Amino acid sequence: QLYEREEFLGSMGGAKVLKIKNNELTMTPSITEGMKTVRVKDGGWRVAQGAGPMGTDLLRFYIEIEEELRHKGSDVYCPAGRIYANCGYFPTMNQSSQYKDSLKKELDNMIIRAEELDDEIAAEGPFSLNRFKKSSELFRLKVDMQSTAERFASASVASPDKSLLKYSQDGDVGLTREGGICCKVIKPMTVEYHILGRFRIAASKEN
């Protein structure tokens, strides 16, 4: 249990200590210098339920670095202090692709019908009553297609493809393969989080 309140995590409820192996962070090599190891303090993490897009969950966590990180000759740096990160958090027991799959099938059928109507309209004469009826049907179909496409997009956010997730060893949780990193900047009247970049989730064979 994490007993220190951290605004980024959103609440102390359910917050836990994030243990860093050997309290070290390794910087990848650059053109100007090789790999570098720096000291890192343990941080904290929490699952923020409903805080993500379309009400999905987020894994929020932070670590604390003891010195500014910068490669030689680079203007890009990471300031000393706490570094914050988040990514999508998807418990597999909550995931069901049936709704998304049904929308995809419905949308595919609509596209096929729209193409058929296009051909049928082209085959009709310019003053044909059937041409008018089919054009009206095509218009209504395109309205329905737009609505279905929007619902499919929402369902894809709530239930992403497995290829976009990295799963825990027991398969209980999937995390988005990429997430965002930021730092906190305190100003006289407000607190801002400045984006530092992205990170990728890597598999670990250790528990």
N, C-alpha and C. Protein backbone atom coordinates (compact mmCIF):
# COMPACT_ATOMS: atom_id res chain seq x y z
N GLN A 1 0.83 -1.20 0.00
CA GLN A 1 0.00 0.00 0.00
C GLN A 1 0.87 1.25 0.00
N LEU A 2 0.51 2.23 -0.85
CA LEU A 2 1.22 3.51 -0.90
C LEU A 2 0.48 4.50 -0.02
N TYR A 3 1.16 5.03 1.00
CA TYR A 3 0.50 5.92 1.95
C TYR A 3 0.75 7.39 1.66
N GLU A 4 1.61 7.68 0.70
CA GLU A 4 1.87 9.07 0.31
C GLU A 4 0.91 9.48 -0.79
N ARG A 5 0.24 10.60 -0.61
CA ARG A 5 -0.72 11.06 -1.62
C ARG A 5 0.04 11.64 -2.82
N GLU A 6 -0.35 11.24 -4.01
CA GLU A 6 0.23 11.77 -5.25
C GLU A 6 -0.92 12.14 -6.18
N GLU A 7 -1.01 13.41 -6.53
CA GLU A 7 -2.11 13.92 -7.33
C GLU A 7 -2.26 13.17 -8.64
N PHE A 8 -1.17 12.81 -9.27
CA PHE A 8 -1.22 12.17 -10.58
C PHE A 8 -1.98 10.84 -10.55
N LEU A 9 -1.87 10.13 -9.44
CA LEU A 9 -2.54 8.84 -9.33
C LEU A 9 -4.04 8.99 -9.14
N GLY A 10 -4.46 10.17 -8.72
CA GLY A 10 -5.89 10.46 -8.61
C GLY A 10 -6.48 10.19 -7.25
N SER A 11 -5.93 9.22 -6.50
CA SER A 11 -6.46 8.88 -5.19
C SER A 11 -5.47 7.96 -4.50
N MET A 12 -5.54 7.90 -3.17
CA MET A 12 -4.71 6.95 -2.43
C MET A 12 -5.34 5.56 -2.41
N GLY A 13 -6.65 5.51 -2.67
CA GLY A 13 -7.34 4.23 -2.65
C GLY A 13 -6.82 3.30 -3.73
N GLY A 14 -6.30 2.15 -3.34
CA GLY A 14 -5.79 1.17 -4.30
C GLY A 14 -4.39 1.47 -4.79
N ALA A 15 -3.77 2.55 -4.33
CA ALA A 15 -2.41 2.89 -4.77
C ALA A 15 -1.39 1.99 -4.08
N LYS A 16 -0.39 1.56 -4.82
CA LYS A 16 0.63 0.66 -4.27
C LYS A 16 2.03 1.17 -4.61
N VAL A 17 3.00 0.69 -3.85
CA VAL A 17 4.40 1.06 -4.07
C VAL A 17 4.91 0.36 -5.33
N LEU A 18 5.61 1.11 -6.17
CA LEU A 18 6.22 0.55 -7.38
C LEU A 18 7.69 0.29 -7.07
N LYS A 19 8.08 -0.98 -7.02
CA LYS A 19 9.45 -1.36 -6.71
C LYS A 19 10.29 -1.40 -7.99
N ILE A 20 11.43 -0.72 -7.95
CA ILE A 20 12.34 -0.68 -9.10
C ILE A 20 13.48 -1.66 -8.86
N LYS A 21 13.70 -2.56 -9.80
CA LYS A 21 14.75 -3.56 -9.65
C LYS A 21 16.12 -2.89 -9.54
N ASN A 22 16.80 -3.17 -8.44
CA ASN A 22 18.14 -2.62 -8.15
C ASN A 22 18.15 -1.10 -8.09
N ASN A 23 16.97 -0.49 -8.10
CA ASN A 23 16.86 0.98 -8.08
C ASN A 23 17.76 1.61 -9.14
N GLU A 24 17.72 1.02 -10.32
CA GLU A 24 18.53 1.52 -11.44
C GLU A 24 17.67 1.70 -12.69
N LEU A 25 18.05 2.68 -13.49
CA LEU A 25 17.44 2.92 -14.79
C LEU A 25 18.55 2.99 -15.82
N THR A 26 18.39 2.30 -16.94
CA THR A 26 19.42 2.27 -17.98
C THR A 26 19.01 3.12 -19.15
N MET A 27 19.86 4.08 -19.51
CA MET A 27 19.63 4.90 -20.70
C MET A 27 20.27 4.22 -21.90
N THR A 28 19.52 4.12 -22.98
CA THR A 28 20.06 3.50 -24.19
C THR A 28 21.18 4.37 -24.77
N PRO A 29 22.12 3.78 -25.48
CA PRO A 29 23.22 4.56 -26.05
C PRO A 29 22.77 5.52 -27.13
N SER A 30 23.53 6.59 -27.31
CA SER A 30 23.27 7.55 -28.39
C SER A 30 24.51 7.62 -29.27
N ILE A 31 24.47 8.52 -30.24
CA ILE A 31 25.63 8.69 -31.14
C ILE A 31 26.84 9.22 -30.37
N THR A 32 26.59 10.05 -29.36
CA THR A 32 27.68 10.73 -28.66
C THR A 32 28.20 9.98 -27.44
N GLU A 33 27.40 9.04 -26.90
CA GLU A 33 27.86 8.31 -25.72
C GLU A 33 27.18 6.95 -25.63
N GLY A 34 27.78 6.09 -24.80
CA GLY A 34 27.24 4.74 -24.67
C GLY A 34 26.12 4.64 -23.65
N MET A 35 25.83 3.41 -23.29
CA MET A 35 24.77 3.14 -22.33
C MET A 35 25.15 3.71 -20.96
N LYS A 36 24.14 4.22 -20.25
CA LYS A 36 24.40 4.84 -18.96
C LYS A 36 23.36 4.38 -17.94
N THR A 37 23.81 4.12 -16.70
CA THR A 37 22.91 3.70 -15.63
C THR A 37 22.82 4.80 -14.58
N VAL A 38 21.60 5.10 -14.17
CA VAL A 38 21.39 6.16 -13.16
C VAL A 38 20.54 5.59 -12.03
N ARG A 39 20.64 6.23 -10.86
CA ARG A 39 19.90 5.80 -9.68
C ARG A 39 18.45 6.26 -9.77
N VAL A 40 17.55 5.38 -9.34
CA VAL A 40 16.12 5.68 -9.36
C VAL A 40 15.50 5.25 -8.04
N LYS A 41 14.62 6.07 -7.51
CA LYS A 41 13.90 5.72 -6.28
C LYS A 41 12.60 5.00 -6.62
N ASP A 42 12.14 4.17 -5.69
CA ASP A 42 10.85 3.50 -5.89
C ASP A 42 9.75 4.54 -6.04
N GLY A 43 8.69 4.17 -6.73
CA GLY A 43 7.59 5.10 -6.97
C GLY A 43 6.27 4.53 -6.51
N GLY A 44 5.22 4.76 -7.29
CA GLY A 44 3.90 4.27 -6.93
C GLY A 44 3.08 4.01 -8.18
N TRP A 45 2.02 3.22 -8.03
CA TRP A 45 1.16 2.95 -9.17
C TRP A 45 -0.28 2.73 -8.69
N ARG A 46 -1.19 2.92 -9.61
CA ARG A 46 -2.61 2.74 -9.30
C ARG A 46 -3.38 2.56 -10.61
N VAL A 47 -4.40 1.74 -10.58
CA VAL A 47 -5.30 1.60 -11.73
C VAL A 47 -6.41 2.64 -11.58
N ALA A 48 -6.47 3.58 -12.52
CA ALA A 48 -7.49 4.64 -12.50
C ALA A 48 -8.68 4.14 -13.31
N GLN A 49 -9.69 3.66 -12.64
CA GLN A 49 -10.84 3.08 -13.32
C GLN A 49 -11.69 4.15 -14.00
N GLY A 50 -11.98 3.91 -15.27
CA GLY A 50 -12.85 4.82 -16.03
C GLY A 50 -12.21 6.11 -16.46
N ALA A 51 -10.88 6.26 -16.24
CA ALA A 51 -10.21 7.53 -16.55
C ALA A 51 -9.71 7.61 -17.99
N GLY A 52 -9.80 6.51 -18.74
CA GLY A 52 -9.29 6.49 -20.11
C GLY A 52 -10.37 6.80 -21.13
N PRO A 53 -10.02 6.73 -22.40
CA PRO A 53 -10.99 6.99 -23.48
C PRO A 53 -12.18 6.04 -23.40
N MET A 54 -13.38 6.57 -23.61
CA MET A 54 -14.61 5.79 -23.60
C MET A 54 -14.81 5.03 -22.29
N GLY A 55 -14.29 5.62 -21.19
CA GLY A 55 -14.49 5.01 -19.88
C GLY A 55 -13.62 3.81 -19.59
N THR A 56 -12.56 3.60 -20.37
CA THR A 56 -11.64 2.50 -20.11
C THR A 56 -10.74 2.85 -18.94
N ASP A 57 -10.02 1.83 -18.43
CA ASP A 57 -9.13 2.03 -17.29
C ASP A 57 -7.72 2.42 -17.75
N LEU A 58 -7.02 3.12 -16.87
CA LEU A 58 -5.62 3.49 -17.12
C LEU A 58 -4.75 2.97 -15.99
N LEU A 59 -3.55 2.51 -16.35
CA LEU A 59 -2.52 2.23 -15.36
C LEU A 59 -1.65 3.47 -15.25
N ARG A 60 -1.66 4.10 -14.07
CA ARG A 60 -0.84 5.29 -13.84
C ARG A 60 0.27 4.95 -12.86
N PHE A 61 1.48 5.39 -13.14
CA PHE A 61 2.59 5.11 -12.23
C PHE A 61 3.65 6.20 -12.35
N TYR A 62 4.54 6.23 -11.38
CA TYR A 62 5.64 7.19 -11.41
C TYR A 62 6.88 6.59 -10.76
N ILE A 63 8.02 7.09 -11.18
CA ILE A 63 9.29 6.79 -10.54
C ILE A 63 9.98 8.11 -10.24
N GLU A 64 11.05 8.08 -9.49
CA GLU A 64 11.76 9.32 -9.15
C GLU A 64 13.24 9.17 -9.47
N ILE A 65 13.73 10.01 -10.37
CA ILE A 65 15.15 9.97 -10.73
C ILE A 65 15.91 11.03 -9.92
N GLU A 66 17.14 10.71 -9.59
CA GLU A 66 17.91 11.55 -8.68
C GLU A 66 18.75 12.60 -9.40
N GLU A 67 18.81 12.53 -10.72
CA GLU A 67 19.59 13.52 -11.47
C GLU A 67 18.96 13.76 -12.83
N GLU A 68 19.27 14.88 -13.41
CA GLU A 68 18.78 15.19 -14.75
C GLU A 68 19.33 14.19 -15.75
N LEU A 69 18.49 13.72 -16.66
CA LEU A 69 18.93 12.78 -17.69
C LEU A 69 19.06 13.51 -19.01
N ARG A 70 20.25 13.40 -19.60
CA ARG A 70 20.49 14.07 -20.88
C ARG A 70 21.69 13.41 -21.56
N HIS A 71 21.55 13.17 -22.86
CA HIS A 71 22.70 12.70 -23.62
C HIS A 71 23.57 13.90 -23.98
N LYS A 72 24.86 13.66 -24.09
CA LYS A 72 25.80 14.73 -24.42
C LYS A 72 25.44 15.40 -25.73
N GLY A 73 25.43 16.73 -25.73
CA GLY A 73 25.15 17.48 -26.94
C GLY A 73 23.69 17.56 -27.32
N SER A 74 22.80 17.03 -26.48
CA SER A 74 21.38 17.02 -26.81
C SER A 74 20.64 18.11 -26.04
N ASP A 75 19.66 18.73 -26.70
CA ASP A 75 18.82 19.72 -26.03
C ASP A 75 17.65 19.06 -25.30
N VAL A 76 17.41 17.80 -25.59
CA VAL A 76 16.32 17.07 -24.97
C VAL A 76 16.81 16.47 -23.65
N TYR A 77 16.05 16.70 -22.59
CA TYR A 77 16.47 16.18 -21.29
C TYR A 77 15.24 15.82 -20.46
N CYS A 78 15.48 15.04 -19.44
CA CYS A 78 14.44 14.66 -18.48
C CYS A 78 14.86 15.22 -17.13
N PRO A 79 14.08 16.11 -16.54
CA PRO A 79 14.49 16.74 -15.30
C PRO A 79 14.51 15.77 -14.12
N ALA A 80 15.35 16.08 -13.13
CA ALA A 80 15.38 15.27 -11.91
C ALA A 80 14.03 15.38 -11.20
N GLY A 81 13.66 14.35 -10.49
CA GLY A 81 12.39 14.35 -9.79
C GLY A 81 11.49 13.23 -10.29
N ARG A 82 10.23 13.39 -10.06
CA ARG A 82 9.28 12.35 -10.44
C ARG A 82 8.92 12.40 -11.93
N ILE A 83 8.92 11.22 -12.52
CA ILE A 83 8.52 11.06 -13.91
C ILE A 83 7.24 10.23 -13.91
N TYR A 84 6.24 10.72 -14.60
CA TYR A 84 4.91 10.10 -14.57
C TYR A 84 4.60 9.42 -15.90
N ALA A 85 3.87 8.32 -15.81
CA ALA A 85 3.54 7.57 -17.02
C ALA A 85 2.15 6.94 -16.89
N ASN A 86 1.53 6.70 -18.03
CA ASN A 86 0.26 5.96 -18.02
C ASN A 86 0.09 5.20 -19.33
N CYS A 87 -0.73 4.17 -19.27
CA CYS A 87 -1.05 3.38 -20.45
C CYS A 87 -2.41 2.72 -20.21
N GLY A 88 -2.98 2.16 -21.26
CA GLY A 88 -4.27 1.50 -21.14
C GLY A 88 -4.17 0.22 -20.33
N TYR A 89 -5.20 -0.06 -19.53
CA TYR A 89 -5.24 -1.23 -18.64
C TYR A 89 -6.53 -1.98 -18.92
N PHE A 90 -6.41 -3.25 -19.40
CA PHE A 90 -7.58 -3.99 -19.83
C PHE A 90 -7.60 -5.38 -19.19
N PRO A 91 -8.37 -5.54 -18.09
CA PRO A 91 -8.53 -6.89 -17.50
C PRO A 91 -9.23 -7.80 -18.51
N THR A 92 -8.69 -8.99 -18.72
CA THR A 92 -9.23 -9.87 -19.75
C THR A 92 -10.64 -10.34 -19.41
N MET A 93 -10.99 -10.39 -18.12
CA MET A 93 -12.34 -10.84 -17.76
C MET A 93 -13.40 -9.82 -18.19
N ASN A 94 -12.99 -8.57 -18.43
CA ASN A 94 -13.92 -7.53 -18.86
C ASN A 94 -13.99 -7.40 -20.38
N GLN A 95 -13.12 -8.13 -21.07
CA GLN A 95 -13.04 -7.97 -22.52
C GLN A 95 -13.96 -8.95 -23.24
N SER A 96 -14.72 -8.43 -24.13
CA SER A 96 -15.58 -9.26 -24.99
C SER A 96 -15.62 -8.61 -26.36
N SER A 97 -15.23 -9.36 -27.36
CA SER A 97 -15.17 -8.82 -28.72
C SER A 97 -16.46 -9.11 -29.50
N GLN A 98 -17.44 -9.76 -28.87
CA GLN A 98 -18.66 -10.14 -29.60
C GLN A 98 -19.39 -8.92 -30.16
N TYR A 99 -19.56 -7.90 -29.33
CA TYR A 99 -20.26 -6.70 -29.78
C TYR A 99 -19.50 -6.02 -30.91
N LYS A 100 -18.19 -5.89 -30.74
CA LYS A 100 -17.36 -5.27 -31.77
C LYS A 100 -17.39 -6.08 -33.07
N ASP A 101 -17.33 -7.40 -32.94
CA ASP A 101 -17.35 -8.26 -34.13
C ASP A 101 -18.68 -8.16 -34.86
N SER A 102 -19.78 -8.07 -34.09
CA SER A 102 -21.10 -7.97 -34.73
C SER A 102 -21.24 -6.64 -35.48
N LEU A 103 -20.68 -5.57 -34.92
CA LEU A 103 -20.71 -4.27 -35.59
C LEU A 103 -19.88 -4.31 -36.86
N LYS A 104 -18.72 -4.97 -36.79
CA LYS A 104 -17.84 -5.08 -37.96
C LYS A 104 -18.56 -5.85 -39.08
N LYS A 105 -19.23 -6.93 -38.73
CA LYS A 105 -19.96 -7.71 -39.73
C LYS A 105 -21.09 -6.88 -40.33
N GLU A 106 -21.81 -6.14 -39.46
CA GLU A 106 -22.91 -5.29 -39.93
C GLU A 106 -22.40 -4.21 -40.88
N LEU A 107 -21.27 -3.62 -40.53
CA LEU A 107 -20.69 -2.57 -41.36
C LEU A 107 -20.22 -3.12 -42.70
N ASP A 108 -19.62 -4.30 -42.69
CA ASP A 108 -19.16 -4.93 -43.94
C ASP A 108 -20.35 -5.21 -44.87
N ASN A 109 -21.45 -5.69 -44.30
CA ASN A 109 -22.64 -5.96 -45.12
C ASN A 109 -23.21 -4.67 -45.71
N MET A 110 -23.16 -3.59 -44.92
CA MET A 110 -23.65 -2.30 -45.41
C MET A 110 -22.80 -1.81 -46.59
N ILE A 111 -21.50 -1.99 -46.48
CA ILE A 111 -20.60 -1.56 -47.56
C ILE A 111 -20.89 -2.33 -48.84
N ILE A 112 -21.09 -3.64 -48.69
CA ILE A 112 -21.41 -4.47 -49.86
C ILE A 112 -22.72 -4.00 -50.50
N ARG A 113 -23.75 -3.74 -49.67
CA ARG A 113 -25.03 -3.29 -50.20
C ARG A 113 -24.91 -1.93 -50.87
N ALA A 114 -24.10 -1.04 -50.29
CA ALA A 114 -23.91 0.29 -50.89
C ALA A 114 -23.28 0.18 -52.27
N GLU A 115 -22.32 -0.73 -52.42
CA GLU A 115 -21.68 -0.93 -53.73
C GLU A 115 -22.68 -1.50 -54.74
N GLU A 116 -23.54 -2.41 -54.27
CA GLU A 116 -24.57 -2.96 -55.16
C GLU A 116 -25.54 -1.88 -55.63
N LEU A 117 -25.95 -1.01 -54.68
CA LEU A 117 -26.86 0.07 -55.03
C LEU A 117 -26.24 1.04 -56.03
N ASP A 118 -24.96 1.32 -55.85
CA ASP A 118 -24.25 2.18 -56.81
C ASP A 118 -24.35 1.62 -58.22
N ASP A 119 -24.12 0.30 -58.34
CA ASP A 119 -24.19 -0.36 -59.66
C ASP A 119 -25.61 -0.35 -60.21
N GLU A 120 -26.59 -0.60 -59.34
CA GLU A 120 -27.99 -0.63 -59.77
C GLU A 120 -28.46 0.75 -60.22
N ILE A 121 -28.05 1.78 -59.51
CA ILE A 121 -28.43 3.15 -59.86
C ILE A 121 -27.82 3.53 -61.21
N ALA A 122 -26.58 3.13 -61.42
CA ALA A 122 -25.90 3.45 -62.69
C ALA A 122 -26.58 2.76 -63.88
N ALA A 123 -27.21 1.61 -63.61
CA ALA A 123 -27.85 0.86 -64.69
C ALA A 123 -29.24 1.39 -65.03
N GLU A 124 -29.81 2.20 -64.15
CA GLU A 124 -31.15 2.75 -64.39
C GLU A 124 -31.08 3.98 -65.30
N GLY A 125 -32.17 4.26 -65.98
CA GLY A 125 -32.25 5.46 -66.81
C GLY A 125 -32.35 6.71 -65.95
N PRO A 126 -32.04 7.86 -66.52
CA PRO A 126 -32.01 9.11 -65.74
C PRO A 126 -33.36 9.51 -65.17
N PHE A 127 -34.47 9.07 -65.76
CA PHE A 127 -35.80 9.45 -65.27
C PHE A 127 -36.54 8.25 -64.69
N SER A 128 -35.82 7.23 -64.32
CA SER A 128 -36.42 6.01 -63.78
C SER A 128 -36.89 6.22 -62.33
N LEU A 129 -38.09 5.72 -62.05
CA LEU A 129 -38.60 5.78 -60.68
C LEU A 129 -37.76 4.90 -59.76
N ASN A 130 -37.29 3.76 -60.29
CA ASN A 130 -36.43 2.88 -59.50
C ASN A 130 -35.12 3.57 -59.12
N ARG A 131 -34.63 4.41 -60.02
CA ARG A 131 -33.40 5.14 -59.74
C ARG A 131 -33.60 6.04 -58.52
N PHE A 132 -34.75 6.72 -58.48
CA PHE A 132 -35.06 7.60 -57.34
C PHE A 132 -35.17 6.79 -56.05
N LYS A 133 -35.87 5.64 -56.11
CA LYS A 133 -36.04 4.80 -54.91
C LYS A 133 -34.70 4.27 -54.41
N LYS A 134 -33.88 3.82 -55.35
CA LYS A 134 -32.58 3.26 -54.95
C LYS A 134 -31.65 4.35 -54.41
N SER A 135 -31.74 5.55 -54.96
CA SER A 135 -30.94 6.66 -54.46
C SER A 135 -31.34 7.02 -53.03
N SER A 136 -32.65 6.98 -52.76
CA SER A 136 -33.14 7.24 -51.41
C SER A 136 -32.66 6.17 -50.44
N GLU A 137 -32.70 4.91 -50.90
CA GLU A 137 -32.22 3.80 -50.07
C GLU A 137 -30.73 3.95 -49.77
N LEU A 138 -29.97 4.36 -50.78
CA LEU A 138 -28.53 4.54 -50.61
C LEU A 138 -28.23 5.66 -49.61
N PHE A 139 -29.01 6.74 -49.68
CA PHE A 139 -28.82 7.86 -48.75
C PHE A 139 -29.06 7.40 -47.31
N ARG A 140 -30.18 6.67 -47.08
CA ARG A 140 -30.47 6.17 -45.73
C ARG A 140 -29.40 5.19 -45.26
N LEU A 141 -28.92 4.37 -46.20
CA LEU A 141 -27.89 3.39 -45.86
C LEU A 141 -26.60 4.08 -45.42
N LYS A 142 -26.22 5.15 -46.10
CA LYS A 142 -24.99 5.87 -45.74
C LYS A 142 -25.11 6.53 -44.38
N VAL A 143 -26.31 7.00 -44.02
CA VAL A 143 -26.53 7.55 -42.69
C VAL A 143 -26.34 6.46 -41.63
N ASP A 144 -26.92 5.28 -41.89
CA ASP A 144 -26.77 4.15 -40.96
C ASP A 144 -25.32 3.69 -40.88
N MET A 145 -24.61 3.73 -42.02
CA MET A 145 -23.20 3.33 -42.04
C MET A 145 -22.37 4.24 -41.15
N GLN A 146 -22.64 5.54 -41.20
CA GLN A 146 -21.91 6.49 -40.38
C GLN A 146 -22.12 6.21 -38.90
N SER A 147 -23.38 5.96 -38.53
CA SER A 147 -23.70 5.66 -37.14
C SER A 147 -23.04 4.36 -36.68
N THR A 148 -23.08 3.34 -37.52
CA THR A 148 -22.47 2.05 -37.18
C THR A 148 -20.96 2.17 -37.08
N ALA A 149 -20.36 2.95 -37.98
CA ALA A 149 -18.90 3.14 -37.96
C ALA A 149 -18.48 3.83 -36.66
N GLU A 150 -19.26 4.79 -36.20
CA GLU A 150 -18.95 5.48 -34.94
C GLU A 150 -19.05 4.53 -33.75
N ARG A 151 -20.08 3.68 -33.76
CA ARG A 151 -20.22 2.70 -32.67
C ARG A 151 -19.09 1.67 -32.71
N PHE A 152 -18.67 1.30 -33.92
CA PHE A 152 -17.56 0.35 -34.06
C PHE A 152 -16.26 0.96 -33.54
N ALA A 153 -16.04 2.24 -33.83
CA ALA A 153 -14.83 2.92 -33.36
C ALA A 153 -14.81 2.97 -31.84
N SER A 154 -15.96 3.24 -31.23
CA SER A 154 -16.05 3.28 -29.76
C SER A 154 -15.79 1.89 -29.17
N ALA A 155 -16.37 0.87 -29.80
CA ALA A 155 -16.18 -0.50 -29.32
C ALA A 155 -14.73 -0.94 -29.46
N SER A 156 -14.04 -0.45 -30.48
CA SER A 156 -12.63 -0.80 -30.70
C SER A 156 -11.73 -0.19 -29.63
N VAL A 157 -12.14 0.96 -29.09
CA VAL A 157 -11.39 1.58 -28.00
C VAL A 157 -11.60 0.79 -26.71
N ALA A 158 -12.86 0.43 -26.45
CA ALA A 158 -13.19 -0.30 -25.23
C ALA A 158 -12.66 -1.73 -25.24
N SER A 159 -12.54 -2.31 -26.43
CA SER A 159 -12.06 -3.69 -26.56
C SER A 159 -11.05 -3.76 -27.70
N PRO A 160 -9.81 -3.31 -27.44
CA PRO A 160 -8.80 -3.26 -28.52
C PRO A 160 -8.37 -4.65 -28.97
N ASP A 161 -7.85 -4.72 -30.18
CA ASP A 161 -7.33 -5.98 -30.71
C ASP A 161 -6.18 -6.49 -29.83
N LYS A 162 -6.07 -7.79 -29.73
CA LYS A 162 -5.02 -8.39 -28.90
C LYS A 162 -3.62 -7.99 -29.35
N SER A 163 -3.47 -7.69 -30.65
CA SER A 163 -2.16 -7.30 -31.18
C SER A 163 -1.68 -5.97 -30.62
N LEU A 164 -2.60 -5.18 -30.06
CA LEU A 164 -2.25 -3.87 -29.51
C LEU A 164 -1.90 -3.93 -28.03
N LEU A 165 -2.03 -5.12 -27.43
CA LEU A 165 -1.84 -5.25 -25.99
C LEU A 165 -0.67 -6.18 -25.66
N LYS A 166 -0.09 -5.94 -24.50
CA LYS A 166 0.95 -6.81 -23.94
C LYS A 166 0.35 -7.43 -22.68
N TYR A 167 0.28 -8.76 -22.62
CA TYR A 167 -0.43 -9.42 -21.54
C TYR A 167 0.51 -9.85 -20.41
N SER A 168 -0.05 -9.89 -19.20
CA SER A 168 0.70 -10.39 -18.04
C SER A 168 0.94 -11.88 -18.23
N GLN A 169 1.88 -12.44 -17.44
CA GLN A 169 2.23 -13.85 -17.59
C GLN A 169 1.03 -14.76 -17.39
N ASP A 170 0.15 -14.40 -16.47
CA ASP A 170 -1.02 -15.24 -16.22
C ASP A 170 -2.18 -14.90 -17.17
N GLY A 171 -2.00 -13.87 -18.00
CA GLY A 171 -3.01 -13.52 -18.98
C GLY A 171 -4.22 -12.79 -18.42
N ASP A 172 -4.15 -12.35 -17.16
CA ASP A 172 -5.30 -11.69 -16.54
C ASP A 172 -5.48 -10.25 -16.99
N VAL A 173 -4.37 -9.60 -17.40
CA VAL A 173 -4.42 -8.17 -17.73
C VAL A 173 -3.63 -7.92 -19.01
N GLY A 174 -4.17 -7.05 -19.84
CA GLY A 174 -3.45 -6.59 -21.02
C GLY A 174 -3.18 -5.10 -20.91
N LEU A 175 -1.95 -4.68 -21.21
CA LEU A 175 -1.58 -3.26 -21.22
C LEU A 175 -1.32 -2.83 -22.66
N THR A 176 -1.69 -1.61 -23.00
CA THR A 176 -1.36 -1.11 -24.33
C THR A 176 0.16 -1.11 -24.49
N ARG A 177 0.63 -1.47 -25.67
CA ARG A 177 2.06 -1.63 -25.89
C ARG A 177 2.83 -0.32 -25.76
N GLU A 178 2.12 0.79 -25.90
CA GLU A 178 2.77 2.10 -25.76
C GLU A 178 2.00 2.95 -24.76
N GLY A 179 2.71 3.86 -24.12
CA GLY A 179 2.09 4.80 -23.20
C GLY A 179 2.81 6.13 -23.24
N GLY A 180 2.33 7.08 -22.46
CA GLY A 180 2.91 8.42 -22.44
C GLY A 180 3.70 8.68 -21.17
N ILE A 181 4.73 9.53 -21.29
CA ILE A 181 5.56 9.94 -20.15
C ILE A 181 5.53 11.45 -20.03
N CYS A 182 5.44 11.95 -18.81
CA CYS A 182 5.42 13.40 -18.61
C CYS A 182 6.09 13.75 -17.28
N CYS A 183 6.32 15.02 -17.06
CA CYS A 183 6.86 15.51 -15.80
C CYS A 183 5.96 16.63 -15.29
N LYS A 184 6.03 16.89 -14.01
CA LYS A 184 5.19 17.91 -13.40
C LYS A 184 5.94 19.25 -13.34
N VAL A 185 5.26 20.30 -13.77
CA VAL A 185 5.82 21.65 -13.71
C VAL A 185 4.90 22.50 -12.84
N ILE A 186 5.42 23.00 -11.74
CA ILE A 186 4.62 23.80 -10.81
C ILE A 186 4.78 25.27 -11.14
N LYS A 187 3.68 25.94 -11.42
CA LYS A 187 3.67 27.36 -11.71
C LYS A 187 2.94 28.11 -10.60
N PRO A 188 3.08 29.44 -10.54
CA PRO A 188 2.48 30.20 -9.43
C PRO A 188 1.01 29.91 -9.19
N MET A 189 0.23 29.74 -10.26
CA MET A 189 -1.22 29.58 -10.11
C MET A 189 -1.75 28.20 -10.49
N THR A 190 -0.86 27.34 -10.97
CA THR A 190 -1.35 26.05 -11.45
C THR A 190 -0.23 25.01 -11.51
N VAL A 191 -0.64 23.77 -11.72
CA VAL A 191 0.31 22.67 -11.91
C VAL A 191 0.06 22.09 -13.30
N GLU A 192 1.13 21.96 -14.09
CA GLU A 192 1.01 21.44 -15.45
C GLU A 192 1.85 20.18 -15.59
N TYR A 193 1.38 19.28 -16.47
CA TYR A 193 2.16 18.08 -16.81
C TYR A 193 2.66 18.24 -18.23
N HIS A 194 3.97 18.29 -18.39
CA HIS A 194 4.58 18.47 -19.70
C HIS A 194 4.99 17.12 -20.29
N ILE A 195 4.58 16.89 -21.53
CA ILE A 195 4.86 15.61 -22.19
C ILE A 195 6.35 15.48 -22.50
N LEU A 196 6.92 14.33 -22.12
CA LEU A 196 8.33 14.05 -22.40
C LEU A 196 8.50 13.10 -23.58
N GLY A 197 7.52 12.24 -23.81
CA GLY A 197 7.64 11.29 -24.91
C GLY A 197 6.76 10.09 -24.69
N ARG A 198 7.16 8.97 -25.29
CA ARG A 198 6.41 7.72 -25.22
C ARG A 198 7.30 6.62 -24.66
N PHE A 199 6.67 5.56 -24.17
CA PHE A 199 7.43 4.39 -23.75
C PHE A 199 6.74 3.14 -24.29
N ARG A 200 7.48 2.05 -24.36
CA ARG A 200 6.94 0.78 -24.84
C ARG A 200 7.01 -0.27 -23.74
N ILE A 201 6.00 -1.11 -23.69
CA ILE A 201 5.95 -2.19 -22.72
C ILE A 201 6.77 -3.36 -23.24
N ALA A 202 7.66 -3.88 -22.40
CA ALA A 202 8.48 -5.04 -22.77
C ALA A 202 8.15 -6.20 -21.86
N ALA A 203 8.24 -7.43 -22.38
CA ALA A 203 7.95 -8.61 -21.60
C ALA A 203 9.10 -8.89 -20.63
N SER A 204 8.76 -9.45 -19.47
CA SER A 204 9.76 -9.84 -18.49
C SER A 204 9.49 -11.27 -18.06
N LYS A 205 10.55 -12.06 -17.90
CA LYS A 205 10.40 -13.45 -17.49
C LYS A 205 10.42 -13.56 -15.96
N GLU A 206 10.67 -12.44 -15.28
CA GLU A 206 10.73 -12.46 -13.83
C GLU A 206 9.39 -12.07 -13.24
N ASN A 207 9.08 -12.62 -12.05
CA ASN A 207 7.85 -12.25 -11.36
C ASN A 207 8.03 -10.93 -10.62
